[in-house]
Amino acid sequence: MLSMLTAATRVRIILALREEELSVNHLADIVQKSPAPVSQHLAKLRLARIVLIRQEGMKNFYWLANEHARKLVTEAVFQAEHSLSSDPAHHCAANPAFSADR
């Protein structure tokens, strides 16, 4: 599963899918890529069982397959924040994602 996160576009797709189900075109707009490469990344994420697909007419909608994918990306972002700052934003007491038992 970690190899699926080596492409920045895939990480951005997963981050976009953390909150809601999205179409390929909407994801392409969010990650600022054309729909064709976004579809290719989504196909790889589907093979890894990170995302699921729902077809509605001619449109495909994607969402994260489970909470594990969401947590994995969240933790990767937290780690990246540690690399960039000695006081990362997620350590702010007002941030619900931070807990003292981390």
C-alpha atoms as a PDB file:
ATOM      1  CA  MET A   1       0.000   0.000   0.000  1.00  0.00           C
ATOM      2  CA  LEU A   2       2.818   2.422   0.747  1.00  0.00           C
ATOM      3  CA  SER A   3       4.059   2.182  -2.842  1.00  0.00           C
ATOM      4  CA  MET A   4       0.712   3.663  -3.902  1.00  0.00           C
ATOM      5  CA  LEU A   5       1.705   6.845  -2.062  1.00  0.00           C
ATOM      6  CA  THR A   6       4.925   7.415  -3.982  1.00  0.00           C
ATOM      7  CA  ALA A   7       3.144   9.493  -6.624  1.00  0.00           C
ATOM      8  CA  ALA A   8       2.188  12.992  -5.470  1.00  0.00           C
ATOM      9  CA  THR A   9      -0.946  12.958  -7.618  1.00  0.00           C
ATOM     10  CA  ARG A  10      -2.189   9.797  -5.881  1.00  0.00           C
ATOM     11  CA  VAL A  11      -1.665  11.370  -2.478  1.00  0.00           C
ATOM     12  CA  ARG A  12      -3.557  14.465  -3.601  1.00  0.00           C
ATOM     13  CA  ILE A  13      -6.389  12.272  -4.910  1.00  0.00           C
ATOM     14  CA  ILE A  14      -6.619  10.410  -1.604  1.00  0.00           C
ATOM     15  CA  LEU A  15      -6.576  13.680   0.323  1.00  0.00           C
ATOM     16  CA  ALA A  16      -9.431  14.973  -1.844  1.00  0.00           C
ATOM     17  CA  LEU A  17     -11.428  11.793  -1.209  1.00  0.00           C
ATOM     18  CA  ARG A  18     -11.103  12.005   2.577  1.00  0.00           C
ATOM     19  CA  GLU A  19     -14.317  13.996   2.869  1.00  0.00           C
ATOM     20  CA  GLU A  20     -16.583  12.877   0.046  1.00  0.00           C
ATOM     21  CA  GLU A  21     -17.200  10.812  -3.052  1.00  0.00           C
ATOM     22  CA  LEU A  22     -15.985  12.596  -6.193  1.00  0.00           C
ATOM     23  CA  SER A  23     -16.156  12.156  -9.958  1.00  0.00           C
ATOM     24  CA  VAL A  24     -13.047  11.811 -12.103  1.00  0.00           C
ATOM     25  CA  ASN A  25     -13.567  15.281 -13.584  1.00  0.00           C
ATOM     26  CA  HIS A  26     -13.987  16.872 -10.167  1.00  0.00           C
ATOM     27  CA  LEU A  27     -10.835  15.113  -8.923  1.00  0.00           C
ATOM     28  CA  ALA A  28      -8.972  16.271 -12.027  1.00  0.00           C
ATOM     29  CA  ASP A  29      -9.948  19.859 -11.242  1.00  0.00           C
ATOM     30  CA  ILE A  30      -8.849  19.492  -7.612  1.00  0.00           C
ATOM     31  CA  VAL A  31      -5.445  17.971  -8.395  1.00  0.00           C
ATOM     32  CA  GLN A  32      -4.992  20.212 -11.457  1.00  0.00           C
ATOM     33  CA  LYS A  33      -4.435  17.366 -13.907  1.00  0.00           C
ATOM     34  CA  SER A  34      -6.382  16.240 -16.931  1.00  0.00           C
ATOM     35  CA  PRO A  35      -8.943  13.453 -16.423  1.00  0.00           C
ATOM     36  CA  ALA A  36      -6.928  10.804 -18.341  1.00  0.00           C
ATOM     37  CA  PRO A  37      -3.935  10.642 -15.947  1.00  0.00           C
ATOM     38  CA  VAL A  38      -6.262  10.961 -12.951  1.00  0.00           C
ATOM     39  CA  SER A  39      -8.184   7.934 -14.243  1.00  0.00           C
ATOM     40  CA  GLN A  40      -4.910   6.008 -14.554  1.00  0.00           C
ATOM     41  CA  HIS A  41      -3.987   6.826 -10.956  1.00  0.00           C
ATOM     42  CA  LEU A  42      -7.471   5.854  -9.805  1.00  0.00           C
ATOM     43  CA  ALA A  43      -7.163   2.521 -11.611  1.00  0.00           C
ATOM     44  CA  LYS A  44      -3.977   1.787  -9.663  1.00  0.00           C
ATOM     45  CA  LEU A  45      -5.623   2.851  -6.413  1.00  0.00           C
ATOM     46  CA  ARG A  46      -8.553   0.540  -7.220  1.00  0.00           C
ATOM     47  CA  LEU A  47      -6.204  -2.398  -7.836  1.00  0.00           C
ATOM     48  CA  ALA A  48      -4.630  -1.709  -4.436  1.00  0.00           C
ATOM     49  CA  ARG A  49      -8.158  -1.593  -2.945  1.00  0.00           C
ATOM     50  CA  ILE A  50      -7.632   1.922  -1.633  1.00  0.00           C
ATOM     51  CA  VAL A  51     -10.581   3.411  -3.529  1.00  0.00           C
ATOM     52  CA  LEU A  52     -13.927   2.057  -4.660  1.00  0.00           C
ATOM     53  CA  ILE A  53     -15.929   3.030  -7.731  1.00  0.00           C
ATOM     54  CA  ARG A  54     -19.586   3.673  -8.405  1.00  0.00           C
ATOM     55  CA  GLN A  55     -20.889   4.196 -11.919  1.00  0.00           C
ATOM     56  CA  GLU A  56     -23.782   6.523 -12.577  1.00  0.00           C
ATOM     57  CA  GLY A  57     -24.597   6.654 -16.267  1.00  0.00           C
ATOM     58  CA  MET A  58     -21.408   7.681 -18.040  1.00  0.00           C
ATOM     59  CA  LYS A  59     -19.749   9.057 -14.887  1.00  0.00           C
ATOM     60  CA  ASN A  60     -17.568   7.236 -12.388  1.00  0.00           C
ATOM     61  CA  PHE A  61     -17.494   8.293  -8.757  1.00  0.00           C
ATOM     62  CA  TYR A  62     -14.748   7.305  -6.332  1.00  0.00           C
ATOM     63  CA  TRP A  63     -14.406   7.185  -2.553  1.00  0.00           C
ATOM     64  CA  LEU A  64     -11.917   5.768  -0.087  1.00  0.00           C
ATOM     65  CA  ALA A  65     -12.414   2.070   0.506  1.00  0.00           C
ATOM     66  CA  ASN A  66     -11.878   2.245   4.254  1.00  0.00           C
ATOM     67  CA  GLU A  67     -10.644   4.242   7.211  1.00  0.00           C
ATOM     68  CA  HIS A  68      -7.153   2.704   6.959  1.00  0.00           C
ATOM     69  CA  ALA A  69      -6.345   4.566   3.731  1.00  0.00           C
ATOM     70  CA  ARG A  70      -7.574   7.817   5.268  1.00  0.00           C
ATOM     71  CA  LYS A  71      -5.445   7.322   8.381  1.00  0.00           C
ATOM     72  CA  LEU A  72      -2.361   6.326   6.381  1.00  0.00           C
ATOM     73  CA  VAL A  73      -2.424   9.531   4.345  1.00  0.00           C
ATOM     74  CA  THR A  74      -3.190  11.666   7.399  1.00  0.00           C
ATOM     75  CA  GLU A  75      -0.189  10.206   9.208  1.00  0.00           C
ATOM     76  CA  ALA A  76       2.016  10.756   6.140  1.00  0.00           C
ATOM     77  CA  VAL A  77       0.969  14.422   6.040  1.00  0.00           C
ATOM     78  CA  PHE A  78       1.675  14.757   9.767  1.00  0.00           C
ATOM     79  CA  GLN A  79       5.149  13.298   9.244  1.00  0.00           C
ATOM     80  CA  ALA A  80       5.822  15.695   6.377  1.00  0.00           C
ATOM     81  CA  GLU A  81       4.774  18.603   8.606  1.00  0.00           C
ATOM     82  CA  HIS A  82       7.349  17.439  11.176  1.00  0.00           C
ATOM     83  CA  SER A  83      10.015  17.550   8.481  1.00  0.00           C
ATOM     84  CA  LEU A  84       9.144  21.154   7.661  1.00  0.00           C
ATOM     85  CA  SER A  85       8.479  22.641  11.096  1.00  0.00           C
ATOM     86  CA  SER A  86       9.563  22.197  14.688  1.00  0.00           C
ATOM     87  CA  ASP A  87       6.008  23.148  15.737  1.00  0.00           C
ATOM     88  CA  PRO A  88       3.670  21.521  13.193  1.00  0.00           C
ATOM     89  CA  ALA A  89       0.109  22.788  12.886  1.00  0.00           C
ATOM     90  CA  HIS A  90      -1.418  19.459  13.863  1.00  0.00           C
ATOM     91  CA  HIS A  91       0.096  19.803  17.354  1.00  0.00           C
ATOM     92  CA  CYS A  92      -2.074  22.808  18.063  1.00  0.00           C
ATOM     93  CA  ALA A  93      -4.371  21.996  20.997  1.00  0.00           C
ATOM     94  CA  ALA A  94      -7.347  23.257  18.982  1.00  0.00           C
ATOM     95  CA  ASN A  95      -6.695  20.679  16.274  1.00  0.00           C
ATOM     96  CA  PRO A  96      -8.993  17.667  16.836  1.00  0.00           C
ATOM     97  CA  ALA A  97      -6.620  15.412  14.866  1.00  0.00           C
ATOM     98  CA  PHE A  98      -3.968  15.822  17.566  1.00  0.00           C
ATOM     99  CA  SER A  99      -4.150  13.786  20.707  1.00  0.00           C
ATOM    100  CA  ALA A 100      -1.764  13.595  23.629  1.00  0.00           C
ATOM    101  CA  ASP A 101      -1.359   9.826  23.263  1.00  0.00           C
ATOM    102  CA  ARG A 102       0.397  10.102  19.875  1.00  0.00           C
END
